C-alpha atoms as a PDB file:
ATOM      1  CA  MET A   1      -0.122   0.070  -0.210  1.00  0.00           C
ATOM      2  CA  PRO A   2       1.353   3.515  -0.711  1.00  0.00           C
ATOM      3  CA  GLU A   3       2.375   5.403   2.243  1.00  0.00           C
ATOM      4  CA  LEU A   4       2.935   9.074   3.071  1.00  0.00           C
ATOM      5  CA  PRO A   5       6.056   9.559   0.723  1.00  0.00           C
ATOM      6  CA  GLU A   6       4.160   7.866  -2.264  1.00  0.00           C
ATOM      7  CA  VAL A   7       1.145   9.790  -1.991  1.00  0.00           C
ATOM      8  CA  GLU A   8       3.177  13.127  -1.269  1.00  0.00           C
ATOM      9  CA  THR A   9       5.135  12.232  -4.707  1.00  0.00           C
ATOM     10  CA  VAL A  10       1.954  11.824  -6.405  1.00  0.00           C
ATOM     11  CA  CYS A  11       0.480  15.100  -5.105  1.00  0.00           C
ATOM     12  CA  ARG A  12       3.415  17.157  -6.028  1.00  0.00           C
ATOM     13  CA  PHE A  13       3.451  15.743  -9.562  1.00  0.00           C
ATOM     14  CA  LEU A  14      -0.479  16.270 -10.208  1.00  0.00           C
ATOM     15  CA  HIS A  15      -0.009  19.857  -8.552  1.00  0.00           C
ATOM     16  CA  ALA A  16       2.240  20.792 -11.237  1.00  0.00           C
ATOM     17  CA  LYS A  17       0.241  19.451 -13.945  1.00  0.00           C
ATOM     18  CA  LEU A  18      -3.388  19.979 -12.974  1.00  0.00           C
ATOM     19  CA  LEU A  19      -3.209  23.473 -11.486  1.00  0.00           C
ATOM     20  CA  GLU A  20      -5.472  25.954 -13.017  1.00  0.00           C
ATOM     21  CA  LYS A  21      -6.736  23.211 -15.666  1.00  0.00           C
ATOM     22  CA  LYS A  22     -10.430  22.819 -16.522  1.00  0.00           C
ATOM     23  CA  MET A  23     -11.880  19.455 -16.367  1.00  0.00           C
ATOM     24  CA  ILE A  24     -13.883  18.712 -19.593  1.00  0.00           C
ATOM     25  CA  ASP A  25     -14.976  15.177 -18.981  1.00  0.00           C
ATOM     26  CA  ILE A  26     -15.061  12.213 -16.572  1.00  0.00           C
ATOM     27  CA  LYS A  27     -15.663   8.715 -17.644  1.00  0.00           C
ATOM     28  CA  VAL A  28     -16.234   6.015 -14.992  1.00  0.00           C
ATOM     29  CA  ASN A  29     -15.591   2.466 -16.257  1.00  0.00           C
ATOM     30  CA  GLN A  30     -16.058   0.680 -12.937  1.00  0.00           C
ATOM     31  CA  ALA A  31     -17.892   2.730 -10.041  1.00  0.00           C
ATOM     32  CA  ASN A  32     -17.495  -0.272  -7.483  1.00  0.00           C
ATOM     33  CA  LEU A  33     -14.351   0.607  -5.596  1.00  0.00           C
ATOM     34  CA  ARG A  34     -13.980   0.317  -1.810  1.00  0.00           C
ATOM     35  CA  ALA A  35     -16.776   2.638  -1.771  1.00  0.00           C
ATOM     36  CA  PRO A  36     -18.929   3.632  -4.915  1.00  0.00           C
ATOM     37  CA  VAL A  37     -17.678   6.343  -6.981  1.00  0.00           C
ATOM     38  CA  THR A  38     -19.804   9.440  -6.558  1.00  0.00           C
ATOM     39  CA  GLN A  39     -22.737   8.939  -8.668  1.00  0.00           C
ATOM     40  CA  ASN A  40     -23.042  12.349 -10.505  1.00  0.00           C
ATOM     41  CA  ILE A  41     -19.085  13.008 -10.404  1.00  0.00           C
ATOM     42  CA  ASN A  42     -19.258  14.195 -14.047  1.00  0.00           C
ATOM     43  CA  GLU A  43     -22.174  16.678 -13.486  1.00  0.00           C
ATOM     44  CA  VAL A  44     -20.252  18.243 -10.371  1.00  0.00           C
ATOM     45  CA  LEU A  45     -16.786  18.274 -11.738  1.00  0.00           C
ATOM     46  CA  LYS A  46     -17.422  19.135 -15.584  1.00  0.00           C
ATOM     47  CA  ASP A  47     -16.019  22.588 -16.402  1.00  0.00           C
ATOM     48  CA  GLY A  48     -14.685  23.110 -12.874  1.00  0.00           C
ATOM     49  CA  ILE A  49     -11.065  24.262 -12.623  1.00  0.00           C
ATOM     50  CA  VAL A  50      -8.522  22.655 -10.300  1.00  0.00           C
ATOM     51  CA  THR A  51      -7.299  25.354  -7.867  1.00  0.00           C
ATOM     52  CA  ASN A  52      -4.962  23.055  -5.523  1.00  0.00           C
ATOM     53  CA  VAL A  53      -3.862  19.648  -5.059  1.00  0.00           C
ATOM     54  CA  ARG A  54      -2.755  18.469  -1.553  1.00  0.00           C
ATOM     55  CA  ARG A  55      -2.520  15.548   0.798  1.00  0.00           C
ATOM     56  CA  ARG A  56      -3.984  14.732   4.180  1.00  0.00           C
ATOM     57  CA  GLY A  57      -2.739  11.353   5.498  1.00  0.00           C
ATOM     58  CA  LYS A  58      -2.613   8.995   2.734  1.00  0.00           C
ATOM     59  CA  TYR A  59      -5.660  10.921   0.843  1.00  0.00           C
ATOM     60  CA  ILE A  60      -4.986  12.830  -2.245  1.00  0.00           C
ATOM     61  CA  ILE A  61      -7.169  16.174  -2.450  1.00  0.00           C
ATOM     62  CA  TRP A  62      -8.063  17.963  -5.590  1.00  0.00           C
ATOM     63  CA  GLU A  63      -9.697  21.380  -4.812  1.00  0.00           C
ATOM     64  CA  MET A  64     -11.970  22.565  -7.417  1.00  0.00           C
ATOM     65  CA  SER A  65     -13.145  26.019  -8.138  1.00  0.00           C
ATOM     66  CA  ASN A  66     -16.915  25.330  -7.340  1.00  0.00           C
ATOM     67  CA  SER A  67     -15.806  24.357  -3.772  1.00  0.00           C
ATOM     68  CA  ALA A  68     -16.065  20.662  -4.271  1.00  0.00           C
ATOM     69  CA  LEU A  69     -13.140  18.445  -3.057  1.00  0.00           C
ATOM     70  CA  VAL A  70     -12.188  15.279  -5.009  1.00  0.00           C
ATOM     71  CA  ILE A  71     -11.091  12.761  -2.425  1.00  0.00           C
ATOM     72  CA  ILE A  72      -8.622   9.984  -3.678  1.00  0.00           C
ATOM     73  CA  HIS A  73      -7.227   7.021  -1.922  1.00  0.00           C
ATOM     74  CA  LEU A  74      -4.919   4.791  -3.706  1.00  0.00           C
ATOM     75  CA  GLY A  75      -5.735   1.614  -1.474  1.00  0.00           C
ATOM     76  CA  MET A  76      -3.680  -1.338  -1.976  1.00  0.00           C
ATOM     77  CA  SER A  77      -2.741  -1.212  -5.622  1.00  0.00           C
ATOM     78  CA  GLY A  78      -4.118   2.045  -7.142  1.00  0.00           C
ATOM     79  CA  LYS A  79      -2.319   4.461  -9.518  1.00  0.00           C
ATOM     80  CA  LEU A  80      -3.129   7.844 -10.757  1.00  0.00           C
ATOM     81  CA  LEU A  81      -1.400   7.875 -14.112  1.00  0.00           C
ATOM     82  CA  TYR A  82      -0.901  10.974 -16.318  1.00  0.00           C
ATOM     83  CA  PHE A  83      -1.108  11.144 -20.017  1.00  0.00           C
ATOM     84  CA  ASP A  84      -0.190  14.005 -22.215  1.00  0.00           C
ATOM     85  CA  GLY A  85      -2.346  13.551 -25.311  1.00  0.00           C
ATOM     86  CA  GLN A  86      -3.976  10.346 -26.343  1.00  0.00           C
ATOM     87  CA  THR A  87      -5.251   8.143 -23.258  1.00  0.00           C
ATOM     88  CA  PRO A  88      -4.718   4.227 -23.733  1.00  0.00           C
ATOM     89  CA  ILE A  89      -7.557   2.520 -21.982  1.00  0.00           C
ATOM     90  CA  GLY A  90      -6.147  -0.538 -19.878  1.00  0.00           C
ATOM     91  CA  LYS A  91      -8.094  -3.512 -18.282  1.00  0.00           C
ATOM     92  CA  HIS A  92      -8.222  -1.776 -14.567  1.00  0.00           C
ATOM     93  CA  ASP A  93      -8.722   1.637 -15.723  1.00  0.00           C
ATOM     94  CA  HIS A  94     -11.717   2.654 -13.658  1.00  0.00           C
ATOM     95  CA  VAL A  95     -11.942   6.389 -13.602  1.00  0.00           C
ATOM     96  CA  ILE A  96     -10.826   8.818 -16.278  1.00  0.00           C
ATOM     97  CA  PHE A  97     -10.498  12.596 -15.938  1.00  0.00           C
ATOM     98  CA  PHE A  98     -10.024  14.646 -19.164  1.00  0.00           C
ATOM     99  CA  LEU A  99      -8.583  17.960 -19.041  1.00  0.00           C
ATOM    100  CA  GLU A 100      -8.751  20.897 -21.541  1.00  0.00           C
ATOM    101  CA  ASP A 101      -5.310  20.596 -22.716  1.00  0.00           C
ATOM    102  CA  SER A 102      -6.055  17.104 -23.981  1.00  0.00           C
ATOM    103  CA  SER A 103      -4.297  15.530 -20.864  1.00  0.00           C
ATOM    104  CA  SER A 104      -5.788  13.172 -18.785  1.00  0.00           C
ATOM    105  CA  ILE A 105      -5.567  11.366 -15.242  1.00  0.00           C
ATOM    106  CA  VAL A 106      -6.294   7.909 -15.150  1.00  0.00           C
ATOM    107  CA  TYR A 107      -7.326   5.920 -11.932  1.00  0.00           C
ATOM    108  CA  ASN A 108      -5.914   2.221 -12.335  1.00  0.00           C
ATOM    109  CA  ASP A 109      -6.456  -0.153  -9.611  1.00  0.00           C
ATOM    110  CA  PRO A 110      -6.450  -4.029 -10.197  1.00  0.00           C
ATOM    111  CA  ARG A 111      -7.879  -4.834  -6.516  1.00  0.00           C
ATOM    112  CA  ARG A 112     -10.279  -2.094  -6.375  1.00  0.00           C
ATOM    113  CA  PHE A 113      -9.593  -1.100  -2.710  1.00  0.00           C
ATOM    114  CA  GLY A 114      -9.109   2.530  -3.540  1.00  0.00           C
ATOM    115  CA  LEU A 115     -11.456   5.525  -3.076  1.00  0.00           C
ATOM    116  CA  ILE A 116     -12.728   8.515  -5.272  1.00  0.00           C
ATOM    117  CA  VAL A 117     -15.419  10.440  -3.969  1.00  0.00           C
ATOM    118  CA  VAL A 118     -16.592  14.174  -4.248  1.00  0.00           C
ATOM    119  CA  ILE A 119     -17.378  16.176  -1.185  1.00  0.00           C
ATOM    120  CA  ASN A 120     -18.136  19.794  -0.451  1.00  0.00           C
ATOM    121  CA  ALA A 121     -15.382  21.819   1.109  1.00  0.00           C
ATOM    122  CA  LYS A 122     -17.573  22.311   4.507  1.00  0.00           C
ATOM    123  CA  GLU A 123     -17.502  18.410   4.890  1.00  0.00           C
ATOM    124  CA  GLU A 124     -13.735  17.895   4.937  1.00  0.00           C
ATOM    125  CA  GLU A 125     -13.349  18.376   8.646  1.00  0.00           C
ATOM    126  CA  GLN A 126     -16.056  15.588   9.266  1.00  0.00           C
ATOM    127  CA  PHE A 127     -14.550  13.445   6.427  1.00  0.00           C
ATOM    128  CA  PHE A 128     -11.179  13.331   8.032  1.00  0.00           C
ATOM    129  CA  ARG A 129     -12.192  13.447  11.646  1.00  0.00           C
ATOM    130  CA  TYR A 130     -10.447  10.124  12.587  1.00  0.00           C
ATOM    131  CA  LEU A 131      -7.006  11.163  11.315  1.00  0.00           C
ATOM    132  CA  GLY A 132      -4.116  11.775  13.512  1.00  0.00           C
ATOM    133  CA  ILE A 133      -1.410  14.324  13.382  1.00  0.00           C
ATOM    134  CA  GLU A 134       0.712  15.050  10.327  1.00  0.00           C
ATOM    135  CA  PRO A 135       4.413  14.010  10.970  1.00  0.00           C
ATOM    136  CA  LEU A 136       5.914  16.455   8.719  1.00  0.00           C
ATOM    137  CA  THR A 137       4.389  19.438  10.347  1.00  0.00           C
ATOM    138  CA  ASP A 138       6.048  21.528  13.106  1.00  0.00           C
ATOM    139  CA  ASP A 139       3.309  20.395  15.457  1.00  0.00           C
ATOM    140  CA  PHE A 140       4.924  16.821  15.383  1.00  0.00           C
ATOM    141  CA  SER A 141       7.500  17.367  18.232  1.00  0.00           C
ATOM    142  CA  GLY A 142       9.219  14.896  20.640  1.00  0.00           C
ATOM    143  CA  SER A 143       7.157  16.493  23.368  1.00  0.00           C
ATOM    144  CA  THR A 144       3.860  15.995  21.199  1.00  0.00           C
ATOM    145  CA  LEU A 145       4.913  12.244  20.610  1.00  0.00           C
ATOM    146  CA  ARG A 146       5.596  11.566  24.139  1.00  0.00           C
ATOM    147  CA  LYS A 147       1.946  12.857  24.843  1.00  0.00           C
ATOM    148  CA  LEU A 148       0.540  11.003  22.149  1.00  0.00           C
ATOM    149  CA  LEU A 149       2.404   7.640  23.722  1.00  0.00           C
ATOM    150  CA  ALA A 150       1.193   8.305  27.313  1.00  0.00           C
ATOM    151  CA  GLY A 151      -0.485   5.090  28.522  1.00  0.00           C
ATOM    152  CA  LYS A 152      -0.286   3.181  25.203  1.00  0.00           C
ATOM    153  CA  THR A 153       0.615  -0.366  25.887  1.00  0.00           C
ATOM    154  CA  ALA A 154       0.856  -1.409  22.322  1.00  0.00           C
ATOM    155  CA  SER A 155       4.316  -1.560  20.581  1.00  0.00           C
ATOM    156  CA  ILE A 156       5.909   1.513  19.519  1.00  0.00           C
ATOM    157  CA  LYS A 157       5.650  -0.064  15.995  1.00  0.00           C
ATOM    158  CA  SER A 158       2.056  -0.509  16.222  1.00  0.00           C
ATOM    159  CA  VAL A 159       1.309   3.062  17.548  1.00  0.00           C
ATOM    160  CA  LEU A 160       3.581   4.478  14.774  1.00  0.00           C
ATOM    161  CA  MET A 161       1.096   2.645  12.162  1.00  0.00           C
ATOM    162  CA  ASN A 162      -1.931   3.826  13.662  1.00  0.00           C
ATOM    163  CA  SER A 163      -3.502   6.585  11.320  1.00  0.00           C
ATOM    164  CA  LYS A 164      -5.831   7.644  14.238  1.00  0.00           C
ATOM    165  CA  ILE A 165      -2.634   8.890  16.153  1.00  0.00           C
ATOM    166  CA  ILE A 166      -0.248   9.494  13.348  1.00  0.00           C
ATOM    167  CA  VAL A 167      -1.144   9.566   9.924  1.00  0.00           C
ATOM    168  CA  GLY A 168       0.804   8.135   6.769  1.00  0.00           C
ATOM    169  CA  ILE A 169       3.497   5.810   8.500  1.00  0.00           C
ATOM    170  CA  GLY A 170       3.257   2.339   7.227  1.00  0.00           C
ATOM    171  CA  ASN A 171       5.195  -0.818   7.667  1.00  0.00           C
ATOM    172  CA  ILE A 172       8.232   0.399   5.605  1.00  0.00           C
ATOM    173  CA  TYR A 173       8.761   3.737   7.163  1.00  0.00           C
ATOM    174  CA  ALA A 174       7.910   2.705  10.811  1.00  0.00           C
ATOM    175  CA  ALA A 175      10.802   0.014  10.563  1.00  0.00           C
ATOM    176  CA  GLU A 176      13.051   2.338   9.001  1.00  0.00           C
ATOM    177  CA  SER A 177      12.450   5.247  11.385  1.00  0.00           C
ATOM    178  CA  LEU A 178      12.758   2.973  14.365  1.00  0.00           C
ATOM    179  CA  PHE A 179      16.156   1.634  13.084  1.00  0.00           C
ATOM    180  CA  LEU A 180      17.585   5.349  12.693  1.00  0.00           C
ATOM    181  CA  ALA A 181      16.356   6.123  16.159  1.00  0.00           C
ATOM    182  CA  GLY A 182      17.877   3.081  17.527  1.00  0.00           C
ATOM    183  CA  ILE A 183      14.832   1.780  19.064  1.00  0.00           C
ATOM    184  CA  LEU A 184      13.330  -1.625  19.025  1.00  0.00           C
ATOM    185  CA  PRO A 185      10.031  -2.089  17.465  1.00  0.00           C
ATOM    186  CA  PHE A 186       8.609  -4.241  20.272  1.00  0.00           C
ATOM    187  CA  ARG A 187       9.143  -1.692  23.039  1.00  0.00           C
ATOM    188  CA  LEU A 188       5.835  -0.647  24.802  1.00  0.00           C
ATOM    189  CA  ALA A 189       4.870   2.910  23.361  1.00  0.00           C
ATOM    190  CA  LYS A 190       4.382   4.222  26.956  1.00  0.00           C
ATOM    191  CA  ASP A 191       7.713   3.333  27.988  1.00  0.00           C
ATOM    192  CA  LEU A 192       9.595   5.629  25.637  1.00  0.00           C
ATOM    193  CA  SER A 193      11.513   8.429  27.391  1.00  0.00           C
ATOM    194  CA  GLN A 194      11.575  11.866  26.200  1.00  0.00           C
ATOM    195  CA  GLU A 195      14.873  11.620  24.751  1.00  0.00           C
ATOM    196  CA  GLU A 196      13.864   8.651  22.793  1.00  0.00           C
ATOM    197  CA  CYS A 197      10.809  10.441  21.506  1.00  0.00           C
ATOM    198  CA  ASP A 198      13.080  13.362  20.323  1.00  0.00           C
ATOM    199  CA  LYS A 199      15.132  11.164  18.405  1.00  0.00           C
ATOM    200  CA  LEU A 200      12.166   9.122  16.896  1.00  0.00           C
ATOM    201  CA  VAL A 201      10.558  12.212  15.705  1.00  0.00           C
ATOM    202  CA  ILE A 202      13.860  13.326  13.886  1.00  0.00           C
ATOM    203  CA  ALA A 203      14.221   9.889  12.475  1.00  0.00           C
ATOM    204  CA  ILE A 204      10.561   9.852  11.254  1.00  0.00           C
ATOM    205  CA  LYS A 205      10.847  13.248   9.685  1.00  0.00           C
ATOM    206  CA  ASN A 206      14.348  12.484   7.989  1.00  0.00           C
ATOM    207  CA  THR A 207      12.960   9.045   6.783  1.00  0.00           C
ATOM    208  CA  LEU A 208       9.834  10.447   5.118  1.00  0.00           C
ATOM    209  CA  THR A 209      11.679  13.390   3.749  1.00  0.00           C
ATOM    210  CA  ASN A 210      14.285  11.203   2.213  1.00  0.00           C
ATOM    211  CA  ALA A 211      11.643   8.958   0.842  1.00  0.00           C
ATOM    212  CA  ILE A 212       9.797  11.791  -0.769  1.00  0.00           C
ATOM    213  CA  ASN A 213      12.961  13.193  -2.242  1.00  0.00           C
ATOM    214  CA  ALA A 214      13.551   9.627  -4.001  1.00  0.00           C
ATOM    215  CA  GLY A 215       9.983   9.689  -5.234  1.00  0.00           C
ATOM    216  CA  GLY A 216       8.853   6.926  -2.875  1.00  0.00           C
ATOM    217  CA  SER A 217       9.329   3.305  -2.663  1.00  0.00           C
ATOM    218  CA  THR A 218       8.403   0.827  -5.438  1.00  0.00           C
ATOM    219  CA  LEU A 219       8.037  -2.841  -4.196  1.00  0.00           C
ATOM    220  CA  LYS A 220       5.242  -3.979  -6.281  1.00  0.00           C
ATOM    221  CA  ASP A 221       2.429  -1.908  -7.413  1.00  0.00           C
ATOM    222  CA  TYR A 222       3.517   1.745  -6.805  1.00  0.00           C
ATOM    223  CA  ALA A 223       4.479   3.991  -9.651  1.00  0.00           C
ATOM    224  CA  LYS A 224       4.437   7.676  -9.919  1.00  0.00           C
ATOM    225  CA  PRO A 225       1.932   9.520 -12.331  1.00  0.00           C
ATOM    226  CA  SER A 226       4.667   9.564 -15.001  1.00  0.00           C
ATOM    227  CA  GLY A 227       4.588   5.556 -14.747  1.00  0.00           C
ATOM    228  CA  LEU A 228       8.242   5.547 -13.300  1.00  0.00           C
ATOM    229  CA  PRO A 229       9.096   3.852 -10.005  1.00  0.00           C
ATOM    230  CA  GLY A 230      10.277   5.338  -6.946  1.00  0.00           C
ATOM    231  CA  TYR A 231      13.740   4.713  -5.880  1.00  0.00           C
ATOM    232  CA  PHE A 232      13.707   4.805  -1.968  1.00  0.00           C
ATOM    233  CA  GLN A 233      13.749   1.060  -1.763  1.00  0.00           C
ATOM    234  CA  HIS A 234      17.442   1.299  -2.946  1.00  0.00           C
ATOM    235  CA  TYR A 235      18.155   2.844   0.461  1.00  0.00           C
ATOM    236  CA  PHE A 236      16.564   0.703   3.075  1.00  0.00           C
ATOM    237  CA  LYS A 237      18.517   0.036   6.041  1.00  0.00           C
ATOM    238  CA  VAL A 238      16.342  -2.685   7.419  1.00  0.00           C
ATOM    239  CA  TYR A 239      12.918  -3.233   5.721  1.00  0.00           C
ATOM    240  CA  GLY A 240      12.967  -6.466   3.486  1.00  0.00           C
ATOM    241  CA  ARG A 241      16.635  -6.963   4.427  1.00  0.00           C
ATOM    242  CA  ALA A 242      16.247 -10.092   6.808  1.00  0.00           C
ATOM    243  CA  GLY A 243      19.326 -12.402   6.840  1.00  0.00           C
ATOM    244  CA  LYS A 244      21.617  -9.652   5.359  1.00  0.00           C
ATOM    245  CA  PRO A 245      24.249  -7.758   7.244  1.00  0.00           C
ATOM    246  CA  CYS A 246      23.359  -4.530   8.955  1.00  0.00           C
ATOM    247  CA  VAL A 247      24.706  -1.529   6.975  1.00  0.00           C
ATOM    248  CA  ILE A 248      26.148  -0.215  10.329  1.00  0.00           C
ATOM    249  CA  CYS A 249      27.325  -2.982  12.487  1.00  0.00           C
ATOM    250  CA  LYS A 250      27.165  -5.962   9.971  1.00  0.00           C
ATOM    251  CA  ASN A 251      24.938  -7.908  12.562  1.00  0.00           C
ATOM    252  CA  THR A 252      22.274  -9.971  10.772  1.00  0.00           C
ATOM    253  CA  ILE A 253      18.990  -8.147  10.365  1.00  0.00           C
ATOM    254  CA  LEU A 254      16.294 -10.174  11.991  1.00  0.00           C
ATOM    255  CA  SER A 255      12.517 -10.463  10.871  1.00  0.00           C
ATOM    256  CA  VAL A 256       9.820 -11.405  12.826  1.00  0.00           C
ATOM    257  CA  ARG A 257       5.918 -11.342  12.656  1.00  0.00           C
ATOM    258  CA  GLN A 258       4.316  -8.681  14.604  1.00  0.00           C
ATOM    259  CA  SER A 259       0.414  -7.912  14.489  1.00  0.00           C
ATOM    260  CA  GLY A 260       0.329  -9.932  11.145  1.00  0.00           C
ATOM    261  CA  ARG A 261       3.105  -7.724   9.542  1.00  0.00           C
ATOM    262  CA  SER A 262       6.702  -8.654   8.992  1.00  0.00           C
ATOM    263  CA  THR A 263       8.823  -6.545  11.250  1.00  0.00           C
ATOM    264  CA  PHE A 264      12.684  -6.153  10.409  1.00  0.00           C
ATOM    265  CA  TYR A 265      15.253  -4.850  12.872  1.00  0.00           C
ATOM    266  CA  CYS A 266      18.873  -4.986  14.056  1.00  0.00           C
ATOM    267  CA  SER A 267      19.244  -6.291  17.450  1.00  0.00           C
ATOM    268  CA  LYS A 268      22.627  -4.656  18.084  1.00  0.00           C
ATOM    269  CA  CYS A 269      21.816  -1.167  16.651  1.00  0.00           C
ATOM    270  CA  GLN A 270      18.300  -1.017  18.272  1.00  0.00           C
ATOM    271  CA  ASN A 271      19.231  -1.904  21.728  1.00  0.00           C
ATOM    272  CA  SER A 272      16.837   0.197  23.666  1.00  0.00           C
END
């Protein structure tokens, strides 16, 4: 599933391509995604102008000139592909947005776990009411993290991946951030000290920022709207490296199942 860096990469690309452009048509080939595509999406969006593209958690948001918001979630395998000119139609191309300059955005999703809905701008706060703090904002600090962890008896890795607490950090970036901070993923969240929270916040911000700069991580389904892969997977320190030597201490990277997901760590470097 695309995580924060992949979604942010998509948003930045689309911001450059869509801003101030008019939508002239929307074609829905398959409306049955995780939730049904908004039934009158063409009626609501046609002739509207895209005024902004931004992200909230793992959601992509297009702001329209008529105060409508297009909310998109890529699910497990979704992609937004950009075409400048003729639009080839593929088997899993479910929704196509045609723009005034003959370009188009195609939502492709083999598993159909994604989401495309249109809401009014006034409904945004309610729509995202369950989402936690954004980790790349100034509000996300070591002191904030320690308050969020207070009383939490779940593992620190599980808490980092809980979007109701912190948004956008999935399995990959939780593992990489904990490695950089030198913290074992099994530690109880409530037991982290202030110093450890400070280190972990810095590690999270650095990991996410570096991943965004690399265009995200492509392991299977994810691709940028240009169709090109991301490259951060080439810089993984622990994720997917079980049995390989640690890049710092040369100790063997270990892997266990934790809450149904693979957890990768170095028992020597992550000794707290």
